[in-house]
């Protein structure tokens, strides 16, 4: 079952530029390392400046496989980690196609 995976972050006031810089760098890293086509969006309306990174997978098993690799590669500094104080919150969601 296809899955849309999202990572949504709300930057602290004054941190929009840093948040976008990080999101784009992380997107480029995961696309290169895992042959993904992740995209980054900024919300228009609602919580101002909310940023989302979106990735598509064939199954929840693929999401889990990628997340396991991403945790390992973040520890090994292959994928950038958000600088401290940039985001108020970050949430991950998996959306299954019905």
Protein backbone atom coordinates (compact mmCIF):
# COMPACT_ATOMS: atom_id res chain seq x y z
CA UNK A 1 0.00 0.00 0.00
CA UNK A 2 1.59 3.34 -1.05
CA UNK A 3 2.58 5.71 1.76
CA UNK A 4 3.14 9.47 1.80
CA UNK A 5 5.57 10.34 4.59
CA UNK A 6 5.72 13.90 5.93
CA UNK A 7 8.01 15.66 8.37
CA UNK A 8 6.44 18.95 9.49
CA UNK A 9 8.39 21.59 11.39
CA UNK A 10 7.39 24.92 12.88
CA UNK A 11 10.40 27.23 13.18
CA UNK A 12 10.93 29.48 16.17
CA UNK A 13 10.30 33.17 15.39
CA UNK A 14 13.23 34.60 13.46
CA UNK A 15 14.52 31.15 12.45
CA UNK A 16 12.70 30.75 9.12
CA UNK A 17 15.85 31.17 7.03
CA UNK A 18 17.81 28.62 9.08
CA UNK A 19 14.87 26.20 9.03
CA UNK A 20 14.57 26.39 5.24
CA UNK A 21 18.32 26.03 4.80
CA UNK A 22 18.29 22.91 6.96
CA UNK A 23 15.21 21.39 5.26
CA UNK A 24 16.73 21.86 1.79
CA UNK A 25 20.07 20.37 2.89
CA UNK A 26 18.35 17.37 4.48
CA UNK A 27 16.19 16.88 1.36
CA UNK A 28 19.26 16.89 -0.88
CA UNK A 29 21.06 14.41 1.40
CA UNK A 30 18.20 11.87 1.60
CA UNK A 31 17.52 12.15 -2.12
CA UNK A 32 21.17 11.41 -2.86
CA UNK A 33 21.69 8.66 -0.26
CA UNK A 34 18.42 6.81 -0.76
CA UNK A 35 17.43 7.69 -4.35
CA UNK A 36 14.26 9.42 -3.14
CA UNK A 37 12.37 12.33 -4.64
CA UNK A 38 11.65 14.21 -1.42
CA UNK A 39 10.36 17.75 -1.74
CA UNK A 40 10.20 20.68 0.67
CA UNK A 41 7.19 23.00 0.93
CA UNK A 42 6.38 26.09 2.98
CA UNK A 43 2.80 26.45 4.13
CA UNK A 44 0.74 29.34 2.77
CA UNK A 45 -1.78 30.27 5.44
CA UNK A 46 -2.26 28.54 8.78
CA UNK A 47 0.83 28.51 11.00
CA UNK A 48 3.05 30.98 9.19
CA UNK A 49 6.35 29.52 8.03
CA UNK A 50 5.48 25.89 8.66
CA UNK A 51 7.80 23.68 6.60
CA UNK A 52 7.08 20.17 5.36
CA UNK A 53 9.30 17.61 3.68
CA UNK A 54 7.33 15.02 1.69
CA UNK A 55 8.50 11.59 0.53
CA UNK A 56 6.62 8.77 -1.22
CA UNK A 57 7.13 5.07 -0.53
CA UNK A 58 5.62 1.83 -1.82
CA UNK A 59 4.89 0.51 1.70
CA UNK A 60 5.24 1.08 5.43
CA UNK A 61 8.09 -1.45 5.38
CA UNK A 62 10.01 0.88 3.04
CA UNK A 63 9.35 3.82 5.39
CA UNK A 64 10.72 1.82 8.31
CA UNK A 65 13.77 0.75 6.30
CA UNK A 66 14.50 4.38 5.33
CA UNK A 67 13.97 5.67 8.89
CA UNK A 68 16.39 3.07 10.29
CA UNK A 69 19.00 4.08 7.70
CA UNK A 70 18.35 7.80 8.28
CA UNK A 71 18.88 7.46 12.04
CA UNK A 72 22.18 5.66 11.45
CA UNK A 73 23.28 8.15 8.79
CA UNK A 74 22.32 11.14 10.96
CA UNK A 75 24.54 9.81 13.75
CA UNK A 76 27.34 9.35 11.18
CA UNK A 77 26.82 12.97 9.95
CA UNK A 78 25.80 11.87 6.44
CA UNK A 79 22.44 13.62 6.87
CA UNK A 80 22.24 17.07 8.48
CA UNK A 81 20.55 17.44 11.86
CA UNK A 82 18.55 20.59 12.64
CA UNK A 83 20.62 23.12 14.56
CA UNK A 84 19.47 23.60 18.17
CA UNK A 85 16.81 26.27 18.61
CA UNK A 86 15.61 26.36 15.00
CA UNK A 87 12.33 24.44 15.33
CA UNK A 88 9.61 24.74 17.96
CA UNK A 89 8.21 21.34 16.99
CA UNK A 90 8.76 18.65 14.39
CA UNK A 91 6.22 15.91 13.70
CA UNK A 92 6.35 12.94 11.36
CA UNK A 93 3.25 11.42 9.76
CA UNK A 94 2.66 8.44 7.47
CA UNK A 95 -0.36 8.74 5.17
CA UNK A 96 -1.57 5.52 3.55
CA UNK A 97 -3.39 5.49 0.21
CA UNK A 98 -6.92 4.09 0.47
